[in-house]
Amino acid sequence: MTASDGRDKTLAVLAKIATEFSVLTVSLPEFLNRALKVLGQELGFDDCVVALLDERGTGRLVVRAASGRAAPRLGEPVPLGAYTRVMEAGEAVLTGDLRAAPGPHDPDFRSCVSAPILVHGRALGLVNAYQPDPGRFTEQDLNLIVIVARSFSSAIELGRLYERPAAGSRPERLADHGSEPVFREALERELLRGRRHEEPLVLLCVDIDGLAAIREKFGDAVGDTLLGNLAKLLRGMLRESDTVALGSSGFLLLLPRTPKRAGLSVAERIRQRTRGVIAAGAPPVTVSVGVAVSPQDGAVAGTLLAAVGDALDNARRQGGDRVQPARAAS
């Protein structure tokens, strides 16, 4: 197949995938299954899985769609093994022989191409295509699965947006979000896991600028509605493995397996999108966001929480409506 033929086939596949999503805007699982069917029909990738991070925040990859001989894996966890680089570095990987790769492997398959599903620079999951024999994939196959994974990234983000309540629905109750003590326990667990696997972690603290003045002028009900709407926005922007809680200084967001650059990108998106958080009778709001990264800004919960609190205070002192990284601990 020539390079031109390869480009034409890729464009045809992406067009079919886009068509499938356009008619399935409220059903992400069905879209994924139909998209895998397209991969089999158009590219000969008959045995595929799409795995996403577990929504319970365990850090496990769970198969959310599967085709061909991989279909029995639906709902099962995917051992990282050969896919560690895919998730941690966000790099696509061609594995000529899974039996030679580190960690456990699926006995039904010998070769694989794997690409990360990246949303805002962070790996949300992966797309794998398998073959039962070793050495069956090429670099061109790897490039194709990378392009497919990119199309999945957009579809997954949009699909989750459609699955969330529409604008104008009831404000989200503050009680729907975790408490600060429970959040601290989750933070301590992730810090321990991060030290064990040498993975970075980002902690954000998000607070509405001038909330006390808003409460005084417009009433506590308006302030609570603003907090509830902000909570809904935050939860909708995070991965299933992330954690959000309402703390004493604002919303605390725990982003495991996230480098500093990606964390700052998430914080900036939050700052920009918060201007759409409104309540009846109140003006649009802005937020200040403190950012701390482990291990640079702290390797234990108390130190990291203090660092992100200081960063938030620094953002407020500079007038708010800004993202402020912590000053790395000396």
Protein backbone atom coordinates (compact mmCIF):
# COMPACT_ATOMS: atom_id res chain seq x y z
CA MET A 1 0.00 0.00 0.00
CA THR A 2 1.40 3.39 -0.99
CA ALA A 3 1.60 6.38 1.34
CA SER A 4 -1.26 7.98 -0.59
CA ASP A 5 -3.39 4.85 -0.21
CA GLY A 6 -2.62 4.83 3.51
CA ARG A 7 -3.73 8.44 3.91
CA ASP A 8 -6.93 7.79 1.97
CA LYS A 9 -7.76 4.76 4.10
CA THR A 10 -7.08 6.68 7.30
CA LEU A 11 -9.34 9.53 6.20
CA ALA A 12 -12.08 7.06 5.30
CA VAL A 13 -11.86 5.37 8.69
CA LEU A 14 -11.94 8.69 10.56
CA ALA A 15 -14.96 9.80 8.52
CA LYS A 16 -16.82 6.61 9.41
CA ILE A 17 -15.91 6.95 13.09
CA ALA A 18 -17.10 10.57 13.08
CA THR A 19 -20.37 9.46 11.47
CA GLU A 20 -20.90 6.83 14.14
CA PHE A 21 -20.42 9.42 16.88
CA SER A 22 -22.67 12.00 15.25
CA VAL A 23 -25.67 9.68 15.58
CA LEU A 24 -24.77 8.45 19.05
CA THR A 25 -24.22 11.63 20.99
CA VAL A 26 -25.71 10.22 24.19
CA SER A 27 -24.17 6.74 24.18
CA LEU A 28 -20.42 6.58 24.54
CA PRO A 29 -20.29 2.76 25.03
CA GLU A 30 -22.26 2.17 21.86
CA PHE A 31 -20.05 4.58 19.96
CA LEU A 32 -16.92 2.74 21.10
CA ASN A 33 -18.33 -0.62 20.04
CA ARG A 34 -19.36 0.69 16.63
CA ALA A 35 -16.00 2.40 16.16
CA LEU A 36 -14.19 -0.88 16.87
CA LYS A 37 -16.37 -2.53 14.25
CA VAL A 38 -15.20 0.11 11.75
CA LEU A 39 -11.58 -0.68 12.62
CA GLY A 40 -12.19 -4.32 11.80
CA GLN A 41 -13.99 -3.62 8.55
CA GLU A 42 -11.68 -0.92 7.21
CA LEU A 43 -8.25 -1.68 8.68
CA GLY A 44 -8.42 -5.38 9.45
CA PHE A 45 -7.97 -4.67 13.18
CA ASP A 46 -10.40 -7.39 14.21
CA ASP A 47 -9.26 -7.93 17.80
CA CYS A 48 -9.28 -4.63 19.68
CA VAL A 49 -9.98 -3.17 23.11
CA VAL A 50 -10.60 0.30 24.44
CA ALA A 51 -9.61 0.54 28.10
CA LEU A 52 -10.29 3.55 30.32
CA LEU A 53 -9.18 4.39 33.84
CA ASP A 54 -11.51 2.95 36.45
CA GLU A 55 -14.20 5.45 37.45
CA ARG A 56 -13.78 4.46 41.11
CA GLY A 57 -10.34 6.06 41.17
CA THR A 58 -8.38 2.83 41.70
CA GLY A 59 -5.92 3.69 38.93
CA ARG A 60 -6.76 0.46 37.09
CA LEU A 61 -7.44 0.26 33.37
CA VAL A 62 -10.76 -1.41 32.63
CA VAL A 63 -11.87 -2.65 29.20
CA ARG A 64 -14.91 -0.57 28.15
CA ALA A 65 -15.25 -1.91 24.58
CA ALA A 66 -13.83 -4.99 22.87
CA SER A 67 -14.09 -6.77 19.53
CA GLY A 68 -13.27 -10.12 17.95
CA ARG A 69 -11.30 -12.56 20.07
CA ALA A 70 -10.77 -9.80 22.63
CA ALA A 71 -14.54 -9.46 23.26
CA PRO A 72 -14.50 -11.72 26.38
CA ARG A 73 -12.21 -9.15 28.04
CA LEU A 74 -15.05 -6.60 28.32
CA GLY A 75 -15.21 -5.28 31.89
CA GLU A 76 -11.89 -6.86 32.87
CA PRO A 77 -8.83 -4.95 34.12
CA VAL A 78 -5.87 -4.57 31.77
CA PRO A 79 -2.52 -5.33 33.44
CA LEU A 80 -0.13 -2.50 32.64
CA GLY A 81 2.90 -4.63 31.82
CA ALA A 82 3.78 -3.76 28.23
CA TYR A 83 1.50 -0.70 28.35
CA THR A 84 3.19 1.20 31.18
CA ARG A 85 4.94 3.51 28.72
CA VAL A 86 1.69 4.13 26.88
CA MET A 87 -0.06 5.40 30.01
CA GLU A 88 2.80 7.10 31.82
CA ALA A 89 4.64 8.72 28.91
CA GLY A 90 1.67 9.04 26.57
CA GLU A 91 3.57 7.24 23.80
CA ALA A 92 2.28 4.69 21.30
CA VAL A 93 4.01 1.30 21.41
CA LEU A 94 4.39 -1.55 18.93
CA THR A 95 5.05 -4.84 20.70
CA GLY A 96 6.27 -7.57 18.38
CA ASP A 97 5.96 -10.32 20.97
CA LEU A 98 3.92 -9.81 24.12
CA ARG A 99 5.52 -12.85 25.74
CA ALA A 100 8.83 -10.99 25.76
CA ALA A 101 7.26 -7.88 27.32
CA PRO A 102 7.38 -7.22 31.08
CA GLY A 103 4.47 -8.19 33.30
CA PRO A 104 1.50 -10.48 32.65
CA HIS A 105 0.16 -10.87 29.12
CA ASP A 106 -2.92 -12.22 27.37
CA PRO A 107 -2.18 -15.80 26.25
CA ASP A 108 -4.45 -15.47 23.20
CA PHE A 109 -2.34 -12.75 21.57
CA ARG A 110 1.33 -12.36 20.70
CA SER A 111 1.63 -8.93 19.00
CA CYS A 112 0.00 -5.59 19.69
CA VAL A 113 -0.10 -1.91 18.74
CA SER A 114 -1.20 0.38 21.56
CA ALA A 115 -1.88 4.12 21.63
CA PRO A 116 -2.90 6.38 24.52
CA ILE A 117 -6.23 8.19 24.61
CA LEU A 118 -5.05 11.64 25.66
CA VAL A 119 -7.36 14.34 26.98
CA HIS A 120 -5.61 17.67 27.63
CA GLY A 121 -2.22 15.99 27.73
CA ARG A 122 -3.14 13.25 30.19
CA ALA A 123 -3.70 9.57 29.44
CA LEU A 124 -7.33 8.68 30.06
CA GLY A 125 -6.99 5.20 28.61
CA LEU A 126 -5.68 3.33 25.59
CA VAL A 127 -6.65 1.63 22.34
CA ASN A 128 -5.07 -1.75 21.59
CA ALA A 129 -5.17 -3.86 18.44
CA TYR A 130 -3.97 -7.47 18.76
CA GLN A 131 -2.82 -10.32 16.56
CA PRO A 132 -2.49 -13.97 17.66
CA ASP A 133 0.95 -14.32 16.05
CA PRO A 134 4.17 -12.40 16.78
CA GLY A 135 5.54 -9.70 14.48
CA ARG A 136 2.28 -9.03 12.63
CA PHE A 137 2.13 -5.24 12.98
CA THR A 138 4.10 -2.53 11.16
CA GLU A 139 5.00 1.07 11.88
CA GLN A 140 2.19 2.07 9.53
CA ASP A 141 -0.25 0.13 11.73
CA LEU A 142 1.13 1.97 14.74
CA ASN A 143 0.58 5.33 13.05
CA LEU A 144 -3.00 4.34 12.20
CA ILE A 145 -3.85 3.36 15.77
CA VAL A 146 -2.41 6.67 17.01
CA ILE A 147 -4.73 8.61 14.70
CA VAL A 148 -7.69 6.48 15.78
CA ALA A 149 -6.86 7.09 19.45
CA ARG A 150 -6.85 10.84 18.81
CA SER A 151 -10.33 10.65 17.32
CA PHE A 152 -11.45 8.62 20.35
CA SER A 153 -10.08 11.32 22.67
CA SER A 154 -12.39 13.96 21.23
CA ALA A 155 -15.37 11.61 21.14
CA ILE A 156 -14.89 10.48 24.73
CA GLU A 157 -14.65 14.06 25.99
CA LEU A 158 -17.76 15.07 24.04
CA GLY A 159 -19.59 11.91 25.04
CA ARG A 160 -19.08 12.62 28.70
CA LEU A 161 -20.25 16.17 28.16
CA TYR A 162 -23.49 14.88 26.63
CA GLU A 163 -23.93 12.42 29.50
CA ARG A 164 -23.77 15.22 32.10
CA PRO A 165 -26.89 17.20 33.02
CA ALA A 166 -27.75 20.01 30.63
CA ALA A 167 -27.16 23.64 31.55
CA GLY A 168 -30.06 25.02 33.51
CA SER A 169 -30.69 21.81 35.47
CA ARG A 170 -30.76 21.95 39.23
CA PRO A 171 -27.56 23.20 40.89
CA GLU A 172 -25.35 20.41 42.17
CA ARG A 173 -25.63 19.85 45.91
CA LEU A 174 -22.45 20.50 47.85
CA ALA A 175 -23.06 17.28 49.78
CA ASP A 176 -22.48 15.37 46.53
CA HIS A 177 -18.74 16.04 46.84
CA GLY A 178 -16.22 14.48 49.17
CA SER A 179 -15.27 15.98 52.50
CA GLU A 180 -11.80 17.28 53.30
CA PRO A 181 -10.87 14.40 55.71
CA VAL A 182 -11.86 11.79 53.12
CA PHE A 183 -9.94 13.74 50.48
CA ARG A 184 -6.84 13.76 52.69
CA GLU A 185 -7.00 9.99 52.99
CA ALA A 186 -7.18 9.71 49.20
CA LEU A 187 -4.25 12.13 48.89
CA GLU A 188 -2.13 10.07 51.28
CA ARG A 189 -2.89 6.89 49.34
CA GLU A 190 -1.95 8.49 46.02
CA LEU A 191 1.24 9.98 47.46
CA LEU A 192 2.26 6.54 48.68
CA ARG A 193 1.51 5.00 45.30
CA GLY A 194 3.33 7.83 43.54
CA ARG A 195 6.46 7.27 45.65
CA ARG A 196 6.31 3.55 44.96
CA HIS A 197 6.02 3.97 41.20
CA GLU A 198 7.91 7.30 40.92
CA GLU A 199 4.87 9.06 39.44
CA PRO A 200 4.06 12.77 39.77
CA LEU A 201 0.86 14.05 41.33
CA VAL A 202 -0.81 17.45 41.04
CA LEU A 203 -2.92 19.10 43.73
CA LEU A 204 -5.13 22.07 42.86
CA CYS A 205 -7.08 24.41 45.12
CA VAL A 206 -9.81 26.42 43.37
CA ASP A 207 -11.70 29.25 45.06
CA ILE A 208 -14.24 31.78 43.81
CA ASP A 209 -12.82 35.29 43.99
CA GLY A 210 -14.69 37.54 46.40
CA LEU A 211 -17.14 34.85 47.50
CA ALA A 212 -17.61 36.39 50.95
CA ALA A 213 -18.61 39.73 49.36
CA ILE A 214 -20.99 37.94 46.99
CA ARG A 215 -22.66 36.21 49.94
CA GLU A 216 -22.98 39.51 51.79
CA LYS A 217 -24.51 41.32 48.81
CA PHE A 218 -26.65 38.58 47.23
CA GLY A 219 -27.24 36.14 50.08
CA ASP A 220 -26.02 32.71 51.10
CA ALA A 221 -28.37 30.91 48.70
CA VAL A 222 -26.67 32.58 45.72
CA GLY A 223 -23.23 31.76 47.12
CA ASP A 224 -24.20 28.12 47.59
CA THR A 225 -25.58 27.94 44.06
CA LEU A 226 -22.32 29.33 42.67
CA LEU A 227 -20.33 26.73 44.61
CA GLY A 228 -22.65 23.95 43.43
CA ASN A 229 -22.38 25.01 39.81
CA LEU A 230 -18.61 25.28 40.08
CA ALA A 231 -18.52 21.79 41.62
CA LYS A 232 -20.44 20.45 38.62
CA LEU A 233 -18.05 22.15 36.21
CA LEU A 234 -14.98 20.78 38.00
CA ARG A 235 -16.26 17.23 38.17
CA GLY A 236 -17.10 17.33 34.48
CA MET A 237 -13.57 18.42 33.54
CA LEU A 238 -11.76 15.68 35.45
CA ARG A 239 -10.82 12.10 34.70
CA GLU A 240 -12.63 9.28 36.44
CA SER A 241 -9.48 8.64 38.49
CA ASP A 242 -9.32 12.22 39.80
CA THR A 243 -10.86 13.34 43.10
CA VAL A 244 -12.61 16.58 44.07
CA ALA A 245 -13.72 17.77 47.51
CA LEU A 246 -14.91 21.00 49.07
CA GLY A 247 -12.31 22.08 51.61
CA SER A 248 -12.11 24.99 54.01
CA SER A 249 -10.20 27.13 51.47
CA GLY A 250 -12.04 26.08 48.31
CA PHE A 251 -12.28 23.03 46.09
CA LEU A 252 -9.40 20.58 46.34
CA LEU A 253 -8.61 18.58 43.19
CA LEU A 254 -6.33 15.54 43.25
CA LEU A 255 -4.84 14.58 39.86
CA PRO A 256 -2.79 11.35 40.09
CA ARG A 257 -0.17 10.43 37.48
CA THR A 258 -0.07 14.03 36.25
CA PRO A 259 3.09 16.04 35.50
CA LYS A 260 3.34 19.73 36.34
CA ARG A 261 2.77 21.00 32.79
CA ALA A 262 -0.46 19.02 32.41
CA GLY A 263 -1.62 20.16 35.86
CA LEU A 264 -1.05 23.81 34.98
CA SER A 265 -2.95 23.29 31.72
CA VAL A 266 -5.94 21.86 33.62
CA ALA A 267 -5.80 24.75 36.09
CA GLU A 268 -5.81 27.32 33.29
CA ARG A 269 -8.77 25.64 31.58
CA ILE A 270 -10.66 25.75 34.87
CA ARG A 271 -9.89 29.45 35.26
CA GLN A 272 -11.09 30.23 31.75
CA ARG A 273 -14.26 28.13 31.87
CA THR A 274 -15.34 29.37 35.30
CA ARG A 275 -16.58 32.58 33.69
CA GLY A 276 -19.58 30.53 32.60
CA VAL A 277 -20.49 29.68 36.21
CA ILE A 278 -23.36 31.97 37.10
CA ALA A 279 -26.32 32.09 39.47
CA ALA A 280 -29.54 34.02 39.11
CA GLY A 281 -29.13 37.53 40.43
CA ALA A 282 -25.34 37.34 40.73
CA PRO A 283 -22.59 38.52 38.39
CA PRO A 284 -20.27 36.10 36.55
CA VAL A 285 -17.40 34.98 38.74
CA THR A 286 -13.68 34.38 38.44
CA VAL A 287 -11.50 31.97 40.36
CA SER A 288 -8.01 31.77 41.74
CA VAL A 289 -6.20 28.43 41.43
CA GLY A 290 -3.25 27.26 43.48
CA VAL A 291 -1.11 24.46 42.02
CA ALA A 292 1.26 22.14 43.88
CA VAL A 293 3.14 19.14 42.50
CA SER A 294 4.51 16.12 44.32
CA PRO A 295 7.29 15.44 44.96
CA GLN A 296 8.73 18.88 44.07
CA ASP A 297 6.45 20.87 46.38
CA GLY A 298 5.99 18.21 49.03
CA ALA A 299 6.15 14.45 49.44
CA VAL A 300 3.67 14.16 52.33
CA ALA A 301 0.06 15.29 52.55
CA GLY A 302 0.54 18.07 55.10
CA THR A 303 3.38 19.70 53.19
CA LEU A 304 1.60 19.50 49.86
CA LEU A 305 -1.66 20.89 51.27
CA ALA A 306 0.25 23.77 52.84
CA ALA A 307 2.04 24.45 49.54
CA VAL A 308 -1.18 24.57 47.53
CA GLY A 309 -2.80 26.78 50.19
CA ASP A 310 0.10 29.23 50.03
CA ALA A 311 -0.11 29.26 46.23
CA LEU A 312 -3.83 30.06 46.40
CA ASP A 313 -3.21 32.89 48.89
CA ASN A 314 -0.52 34.27 46.59
CA ALA A 315 -2.97 34.25 43.67
CA ARG A 316 -5.54 36.12 45.76
CA ARG A 317 -2.98 38.73 46.84
CA GLN A 318 -2.23 39.42 43.17
CA GLY A 319 -5.86 40.26 42.46
CA GLY A 320 -7.31 36.83 41.72
CA ASP A 321 -8.42 35.39 38.37
CA ARG A 322 -5.08 33.66 37.98
CA VAL A 323 -3.27 30.34 38.21
CA GLN A 324 -0.41 30.36 40.72
CA PRO A 325 2.13 27.52 41.04
CA ALA A 326 3.61 26.82 44.47
CA ARG A 327 7.12 27.83 45.22
CA ALA A 328 9.09 24.59 45.27
CA ALA A 329 10.18 23.54 48.74
CA SER A 330 13.88 24.11 49.33
